[in-house]
Amino acid sequence: MTTLPERPNTALLVIDVQNGVVAGTHNRDGVIANINTLLGKARAEGVPVVWVQHSDEGLPQGSEAWQYAPELVRQDTESLVHKRYGDSFEDTDLEAVLAERGVGRLVVTGAQTDGCIRSTLHGALVRGYDTTLVGDAHTTEDLTAYGAPPPVQVIAHTNLYWSFQSAPGREAGTTQTAEVDFGPTD
C-alpha cells in the first residue's frame, strides 16, 4: 500500500557496504553473508537490486575504502547510485531509478545503522515508499567512545523502532533475511 500506486514492484537496496564503512563493524561477515543471500533471492525472482555508494572527504571516490566489500559483487545490469549525504535519496538519482522500475516498496540492507540506514528509511517513508528493514542485514561501528550505545544495542533499537513505524497509506517494518518476501514482480 505505498502511496505510489503506479509502482507495484519491490527493490532491494544495498547501502554503503564499502571497505571503509564496514571495516570493524559489528558482525560484518554475517551481515555481508545475509546480504549475499538476499542478492541471490532478488536476482532469482527478477527483483531490481539498487546499490548505493557513499563518498566524502574520508571516503574519496575511487579509493580502496570507497570500493564495495569484495564479498559483494554488483552485476552490470544492477543500478548504482552515488551519494554524498546520509539519506540515499538526497541529491541523487535514486528516485528516478526506482520510478523507472515501477518500485514502490523497498527492502533495505547495509551500513551504518545509525546513519545512512536510518536516514534512508525515513527518507523513503516520507517520499511514499513502503519500507522494510532487514534486521540481520545491517550493521554499524562501535561508537561507545563517543557516548553511543554498543553496536548490538543500536541495531536492536533500530529494528525495534522501525517495526512500529507507519504513515498514511504506507507500511514500514522489520524482518529477517530468512523471512524476506519480495512479493510479486512485473
C-alpha atoms as a PDB file:
ATOM      1  CA  MET A   1       0.000   0.000   0.000  1.00  0.00           C
ATOM      2  CA  THR A   2       2.570   2.517  -0.984  1.00  0.00           C
ATOM      3  CA  THR A   3       1.216   5.935  -1.785  1.00  0.00           C
ATOM      4  CA  LEU A   4       2.880   5.429  -5.177  1.00  0.00           C
ATOM      5  CA  PRO A   5       0.038   3.399  -6.738  1.00  0.00           C
ATOM      6  CA  GLU A   6       1.607   3.065 -10.186  1.00  0.00           C
ATOM      7  CA  ARG A   7       4.625   1.353  -8.650  1.00  0.00           C
ATOM      8  CA  PRO A   8       3.782  -2.246  -7.703  1.00  0.00           C
ATOM      9  CA  ASN A   9       7.372  -3.526  -7.633  1.00  0.00           C
ATOM     10  CA  THR A  10       9.865  -4.069  -4.828  1.00  0.00           C
ATOM     11  CA  ALA A  11      13.602  -3.329  -4.924  1.00  0.00           C
ATOM     12  CA  LEU A  12      16.477  -4.464  -2.732  1.00  0.00           C
ATOM     13  CA  LEU A  13      18.705  -1.579  -1.587  1.00  0.00           C
ATOM     14  CA  VAL A  14      22.317  -2.351  -0.673  1.00  0.00           C
ATOM     15  CA  ILE A  15      23.584   0.774   1.078  1.00  0.00           C
ATOM     16  CA  ASP A  16      27.255   1.645   1.640  1.00  0.00           C
ATOM     17  CA  VAL A  17      28.700  -1.833   2.207  1.00  0.00           C
ATOM     18  CA  GLN A  18      32.086  -0.369   1.331  1.00  0.00           C
ATOM     19  CA  ASN A  19      35.511  -1.328   2.657  1.00  0.00           C
ATOM     20  CA  GLY A  20      35.986   1.899   4.611  1.00  0.00           C
ATOM     21  CA  VAL A  21      32.452   1.795   6.015  1.00  0.00           C
ATOM     22  CA  VAL A  22      32.177  -1.826   7.177  1.00  0.00           C
ATOM     23  CA  ALA A  23      35.744  -2.369   8.375  1.00  0.00           C
ATOM     24  CA  GLY A  24      35.369  -3.210  12.054  1.00  0.00           C
ATOM     25  CA  THR A  25      31.576  -3.123  12.125  1.00  0.00           C
ATOM     26  CA  HIS A  26      29.515  -5.435  14.300  1.00  0.00           C
ATOM     27  CA  ASN A  27      29.023  -8.900  12.736  1.00  0.00           C
ATOM     28  CA  ARG A  28      30.457  -7.691   9.432  1.00  0.00           C
ATOM     29  CA  ASP A  29      30.821 -11.145   7.883  1.00  0.00           C
ATOM     30  CA  GLY A  30      27.365 -12.325   8.990  1.00  0.00           C
ATOM     31  CA  VAL A  31      25.700  -9.188   7.645  1.00  0.00           C
ATOM     32  CA  ILE A  32      27.505  -9.496   4.303  1.00  0.00           C
ATOM     33  CA  ALA A  33      26.527 -13.186   4.098  1.00  0.00           C
ATOM     34  CA  ASN A  34      22.885 -12.220   4.694  1.00  0.00           C
ATOM     35  CA  ILE A  35      23.073  -9.521   2.021  1.00  0.00           C
ATOM     36  CA  ASN A  36      24.523 -12.094  -0.391  1.00  0.00           C
ATOM     37  CA  THR A  37      21.602 -14.419   0.414  1.00  0.00           C
ATOM     38  CA  LEU A  38      19.173 -11.584  -0.356  1.00  0.00           C
ATOM     39  CA  LEU A  39      21.023 -10.734  -3.570  1.00  0.00           C
ATOM     40  CA  GLY A  40      20.652 -14.332  -4.728  1.00  0.00           C
ATOM     41  CA  LYS A  41      16.957 -14.380  -3.897  1.00  0.00           C
ATOM     42  CA  ALA A  42      16.279 -10.993  -5.532  1.00  0.00           C
ATOM     43  CA  ARG A  43      18.140 -11.967  -8.691  1.00  0.00           C
ATOM     44  CA  ALA A  44      16.356 -15.322  -8.895  1.00  0.00           C
ATOM     45  CA  GLU A  45      12.979 -13.572  -8.565  1.00  0.00           C
ATOM     46  CA  GLY A  46      13.765 -10.774 -11.009  1.00  0.00           C
ATOM     47  CA  VAL A  47      13.642  -8.125  -8.271  1.00  0.00           C
ATOM     48  CA  PRO A  48      15.629  -4.940  -9.022  1.00  0.00           C
ATOM     49  CA  VAL A  49      18.774  -4.507  -6.955  1.00  0.00           C
ATOM     50  CA  VAL A  50      19.986  -0.963  -6.359  1.00  0.00           C
ATOM     51  CA  TRP A  51      23.458  -0.376  -4.965  1.00  0.00           C
ATOM     52  CA  VAL A  52      24.153   2.862  -3.099  1.00  0.00           C
ATOM     53  CA  GLN A  53      27.734   4.066  -2.702  1.00  0.00           C
ATOM     54  CA  HIS A  54      28.788   6.928  -0.438  1.00  0.00           C
ATOM     55  CA  SER A  55      31.691   9.290  -0.943  1.00  0.00           C
ATOM     56  CA  ASP A  56      33.037  12.191   1.091  1.00  0.00           C
ATOM     57  CA  GLU A  57      36.387  13.563   2.290  1.00  0.00           C
ATOM     58  CA  GLY A  58      37.077  10.429   4.331  1.00  0.00           C
ATOM     59  CA  LEU A  59      35.784   8.109   1.613  1.00  0.00           C
ATOM     60  CA  PRO A  60      37.088   9.528  -1.679  1.00  0.00           C
ATOM     61  CA  GLN A  61      35.607   8.168  -4.896  1.00  0.00           C
ATOM     62  CA  GLY A  62      37.867   5.571  -6.489  1.00  0.00           C
ATOM     63  CA  SER A  63      39.814   4.810  -3.293  1.00  0.00           C
ATOM     64  CA  GLU A  64      40.113   1.310  -1.831  1.00  0.00           C
ATOM     65  CA  ALA A  65      37.995   2.414   1.145  1.00  0.00           C
ATOM     66  CA  TRP A  66      35.262   3.570  -1.290  1.00  0.00           C
ATOM     67  CA  GLN A  67      35.056   0.182  -3.065  1.00  0.00           C
ATOM     68  CA  TYR A  68      32.317  -2.273  -2.134  1.00  0.00           C
ATOM     69  CA  ALA A  69      33.338  -5.127   0.187  1.00  0.00           C
ATOM     70  CA  PRO A  70      34.899  -7.785  -2.071  1.00  0.00           C
ATOM     71  CA  GLU A  71      32.410 -10.458  -0.967  1.00  0.00           C
ATOM     72  CA  LEU A  72      29.626  -8.494  -2.684  1.00  0.00           C
ATOM     73  CA  VAL A  73      29.532  -8.346  -6.467  1.00  0.00           C
ATOM     74  CA  ARG A  74      27.268  -5.969  -8.356  1.00  0.00           C
ATOM     75  CA  GLN A  75      26.037  -7.182 -11.722  1.00  0.00           C
ATOM     76  CA  ASP A  76      26.305  -4.780 -14.654  1.00  0.00           C
ATOM     77  CA  THR A  77      22.514  -4.743 -15.015  1.00  0.00           C
ATOM     78  CA  GLU A  78      22.055  -3.522 -11.423  1.00  0.00           C
ATOM     79  CA  SER A  79      21.758   0.201 -10.775  1.00  0.00           C
ATOM     80  CA  LEU A  80      24.430   2.105  -8.881  1.00  0.00           C
ATOM     81  CA  VAL A  81      23.545   5.340  -7.097  1.00  0.00           C
ATOM     82  CA  HIS A  82      26.319   7.624  -5.846  1.00  0.00           C
ATOM     83  CA  LYS A  83      25.590   9.755  -2.795  1.00  0.00           C
ATOM     84  CA  ARG A  84      27.231  12.309  -0.535  1.00  0.00           C
ATOM     85  CA  TYR A  85      24.585  12.561   2.219  1.00  0.00           C
ATOM     86  CA  GLY A  86      23.102  10.086   4.693  1.00  0.00           C
ATOM     87  CA  ASP A  87      19.709   9.844   3.005  1.00  0.00           C
ATOM     88  CA  SER A  88      20.205   7.864  -0.206  1.00  0.00           C
ATOM     89  CA  PHE A  89      17.525   9.997  -1.888  1.00  0.00           C
ATOM     90  CA  GLU A  90      19.149  13.343  -1.100  1.00  0.00           C
ATOM     91  CA  ASP A  91      20.754  14.912  -4.193  1.00  0.00           C
ATOM     92  CA  THR A  92      20.923  11.557  -6.056  1.00  0.00           C
ATOM     93  CA  ASP A  93      19.084   9.868  -8.910  1.00  0.00           C
ATOM     94  CA  LEU A  94      17.645   7.153  -6.645  1.00  0.00           C
ATOM     95  CA  GLU A  95      14.079   8.386  -7.075  1.00  0.00           C
ATOM     96  CA  ALA A  96      14.411   8.301 -10.881  1.00  0.00           C
ATOM     97  CA  VAL A  97      15.967   4.822 -10.801  1.00  0.00           C
ATOM     98  CA  LEU A  98      13.098   3.488  -8.678  1.00  0.00           C
ATOM     99  CA  ALA A  99      10.402   5.242 -10.736  1.00  0.00           C
ATOM    100  CA  GLU A 100      11.811   3.771 -13.947  1.00  0.00           C
ATOM    101  CA  ARG A 101      11.465   0.287 -12.438  1.00  0.00           C
ATOM    102  CA  GLY A 102       7.985   0.867 -11.007  1.00  0.00           C
ATOM    103  CA  VAL A 103       9.244   0.441  -7.433  1.00  0.00           C
ATOM    104  CA  GLY A 104       7.006   1.487  -4.535  1.00  0.00           C
ATOM    105  CA  ARG A 105       8.423  -0.850  -1.871  1.00  0.00           C
ATOM    106  CA  LEU A 106      12.000  -1.013  -0.600  1.00  0.00           C
ATOM    107  CA  VAL A 107      13.839  -3.762   1.257  1.00  0.00           C
ATOM    108  CA  VAL A 108      16.783  -2.058   2.976  1.00  0.00           C
ATOM    109  CA  THR A 109      20.197  -3.507   3.900  1.00  0.00           C
ATOM    110  CA  GLY A 110      23.687  -2.125   4.520  1.00  0.00           C
ATOM    111  CA  ALA A 111      25.587   0.260   6.769  1.00  0.00           C
ATOM    112  CA  GLN A 112      25.729   2.308   9.002  1.00  0.00           C
ATOM    113  CA  THR A 113      22.623   1.528  11.023  1.00  0.00           C
ATOM    114  CA  ASP A 114      22.617   4.807  12.948  1.00  0.00           C
ATOM    115  CA  GLY A 115      23.478   6.944   9.938  1.00  0.00           C
ATOM    116  CA  CYS A 116      22.722   6.187   6.341  1.00  0.00           C
ATOM    117  CA  ILE A 117      20.335   3.300   7.059  1.00  0.00           C
ATOM    118  CA  ARG A 118      18.125   5.356   9.388  1.00  0.00           C
ATOM    119  CA  SER A 119      18.260   8.402   7.118  1.00  0.00           C
ATOM    120  CA  THR A 120      17.287   6.381   4.057  1.00  0.00           C
ATOM    121  CA  LEU A 121      14.485   4.548   5.883  1.00  0.00           C
ATOM    122  CA  HIS A 122      12.906   7.821   6.938  1.00  0.00           C
ATOM    123  CA  GLY A 123      13.585   9.438   3.565  1.00  0.00           C
ATOM    124  CA  ALA A 124      11.822   6.568   1.799  1.00  0.00           C
ATOM    125  CA  LEU A 125       8.788   6.571   4.078  1.00  0.00           C
ATOM    126  CA  VAL A 126       8.207  10.320   3.761  1.00  0.00           C
ATOM    127  CA  ARG A 127       8.519  10.034  -0.032  1.00  0.00           C
ATOM    128  CA  GLY A 128       5.697   7.471  -0.162  1.00  0.00           C
ATOM    129  CA  TYR A 129       7.531   4.126  -0.176  1.00  0.00           C
ATOM    130  CA  ASP A 130       6.642   1.074   1.854  1.00  0.00           C
ATOM    131  CA  THR A 131       9.941   0.357   3.569  1.00  0.00           C
ATOM    132  CA  THR A 132      11.149  -2.885   5.149  1.00  0.00           C
ATOM    133  CA  LEU A 133      14.389  -3.065   7.126  1.00  0.00           C
ATOM    134  CA  VAL A 134      16.149  -6.438   7.127  1.00  0.00           C
ATOM    135  CA  GLY A 135      17.088  -6.694  10.788  1.00  0.00           C
ATOM    136  CA  ASP A 136      20.021  -9.075  10.365  1.00  0.00           C
ATOM    137  CA  ALA A 137      21.394  -7.411   7.211  1.00  0.00           C
ATOM    138  CA  HIS A 138      22.529  -4.008   8.519  1.00  0.00           C
ATOM    139  CA  THR A 139      25.366  -3.027  10.819  1.00  0.00           C
ATOM    140  CA  THR A 140      27.307  -0.197  12.420  1.00  0.00           C
ATOM    141  CA  GLU A 141      30.639   0.535  14.029  1.00  0.00           C
ATOM    142  CA  ASP A 142      31.354   0.849  17.744  1.00  0.00           C
ATOM    143  CA  LEU A 143      30.931   4.485  18.776  1.00  0.00           C
ATOM    144  CA  THR A 144      30.786   3.874  22.531  1.00  0.00           C
ATOM    145  CA  ALA A 145      33.862   6.090  22.971  1.00  0.00           C
ATOM    146  CA  TYR A 146      31.617   8.978  21.899  1.00  0.00           C
ATOM    147  CA  GLY A 147      28.766   8.067  24.246  1.00  0.00           C
ATOM    148  CA  ALA A 148      26.725   5.895  21.888  1.00  0.00           C
ATOM    149  CA  PRO A 149      25.349   2.533  22.977  1.00  0.00           C
ATOM    150  CA  PRO A 150      27.224  -0.594  21.808  1.00  0.00           C
ATOM    151  CA  PRO A 151      26.515  -1.608  18.180  1.00  0.00           C
ATOM    152  CA  VAL A 152      24.352  -4.576  19.145  1.00  0.00           C
ATOM    153  CA  GLN A 153      22.046  -2.200  21.053  1.00  0.00           C
ATOM    154  CA  VAL A 154      21.972   0.366  18.227  1.00  0.00           C
ATOM    155  CA  ILE A 155      20.985  -2.378  15.777  1.00  0.00           C
ATOM    156  CA  ALA A 156      18.388  -3.873  18.133  1.00  0.00           C
ATOM    157  CA  HIS A 157      16.853  -0.471  18.870  1.00  0.00           C
ATOM    158  CA  THR A 158      16.653   0.410  15.171  1.00  0.00           C
ATOM    159  CA  ASN A 159      14.998  -2.947  14.420  1.00  0.00           C
ATOM    160  CA  LEU A 160      12.534  -2.365  17.254  1.00  0.00           C
ATOM    161  CA  TYR A 161      11.515   1.178  16.453  1.00  0.00           C
ATOM    162  CA  TRP A 162      11.290   0.578  12.688  1.00  0.00           C
ATOM    163  CA  SER A 163       8.897  -2.315  13.302  1.00  0.00           C
ATOM    164  CA  PHE A 164       6.430   0.230  14.743  1.00  0.00           C
ATOM    165  CA  GLN A 165       6.725   2.932  12.056  1.00  0.00           C
ATOM    166  CA  SER A 166       3.794   3.820   9.848  1.00  0.00           C
ATOM    167  CA  ALA A 167       2.398   6.688   7.837  1.00  0.00           C
ATOM    168  CA  PRO A 168      -0.883   7.260   5.997  1.00  0.00           C
ATOM    169  CA  GLY A 169      -1.086   4.781   3.136  1.00  0.00           C
ATOM    170  CA  ARG A 170       2.391   3.390   3.765  1.00  0.00           C
ATOM    171  CA  GLU A 171       3.811   0.432   5.608  1.00  0.00           C
ATOM    172  CA  ALA A 172       7.094   0.013   7.398  1.00  0.00           C
ATOM    173  CA  GLY A 173       8.501  -2.919   9.273  1.00  0.00           C
ATOM    174  CA  THR A 174      11.418  -5.107  10.167  1.00  0.00           C
ATOM    175  CA  THR A 175      12.019  -8.685   9.082  1.00  0.00           C
ATOM    176  CA  GLN A 176      14.907 -11.149   8.983  1.00  0.00           C
ATOM    177  CA  THR A 177      16.773 -12.435   5.923  1.00  0.00           C
ATOM    178  CA  ALA A 178      15.045 -15.834   6.021  1.00  0.00           C
ATOM    179  CA  GLU A 179      11.600 -14.189   6.050  1.00  0.00           C
ATOM    180  CA  VAL A 180      12.089 -11.609   3.279  1.00  0.00           C
ATOM    181  CA  ASP A 181       9.240 -11.727   0.789  1.00  0.00           C
ATOM    182  CA  PHE A 182       9.833  -9.586  -2.278  1.00  0.00           C
ATOM    183  CA  GLY A 183       6.230 -10.129  -3.399  1.00  0.00           C
ATOM    184  CA  PRO A 184       5.013 -10.174  -6.972  1.00  0.00           C
ATOM    185  CA  THR A 185       7.051  -8.511  -9.685  1.00  0.00           C
ATOM    186  CA  ASP A 186       6.184  -7.436 -13.206  1.00  0.00           C
END
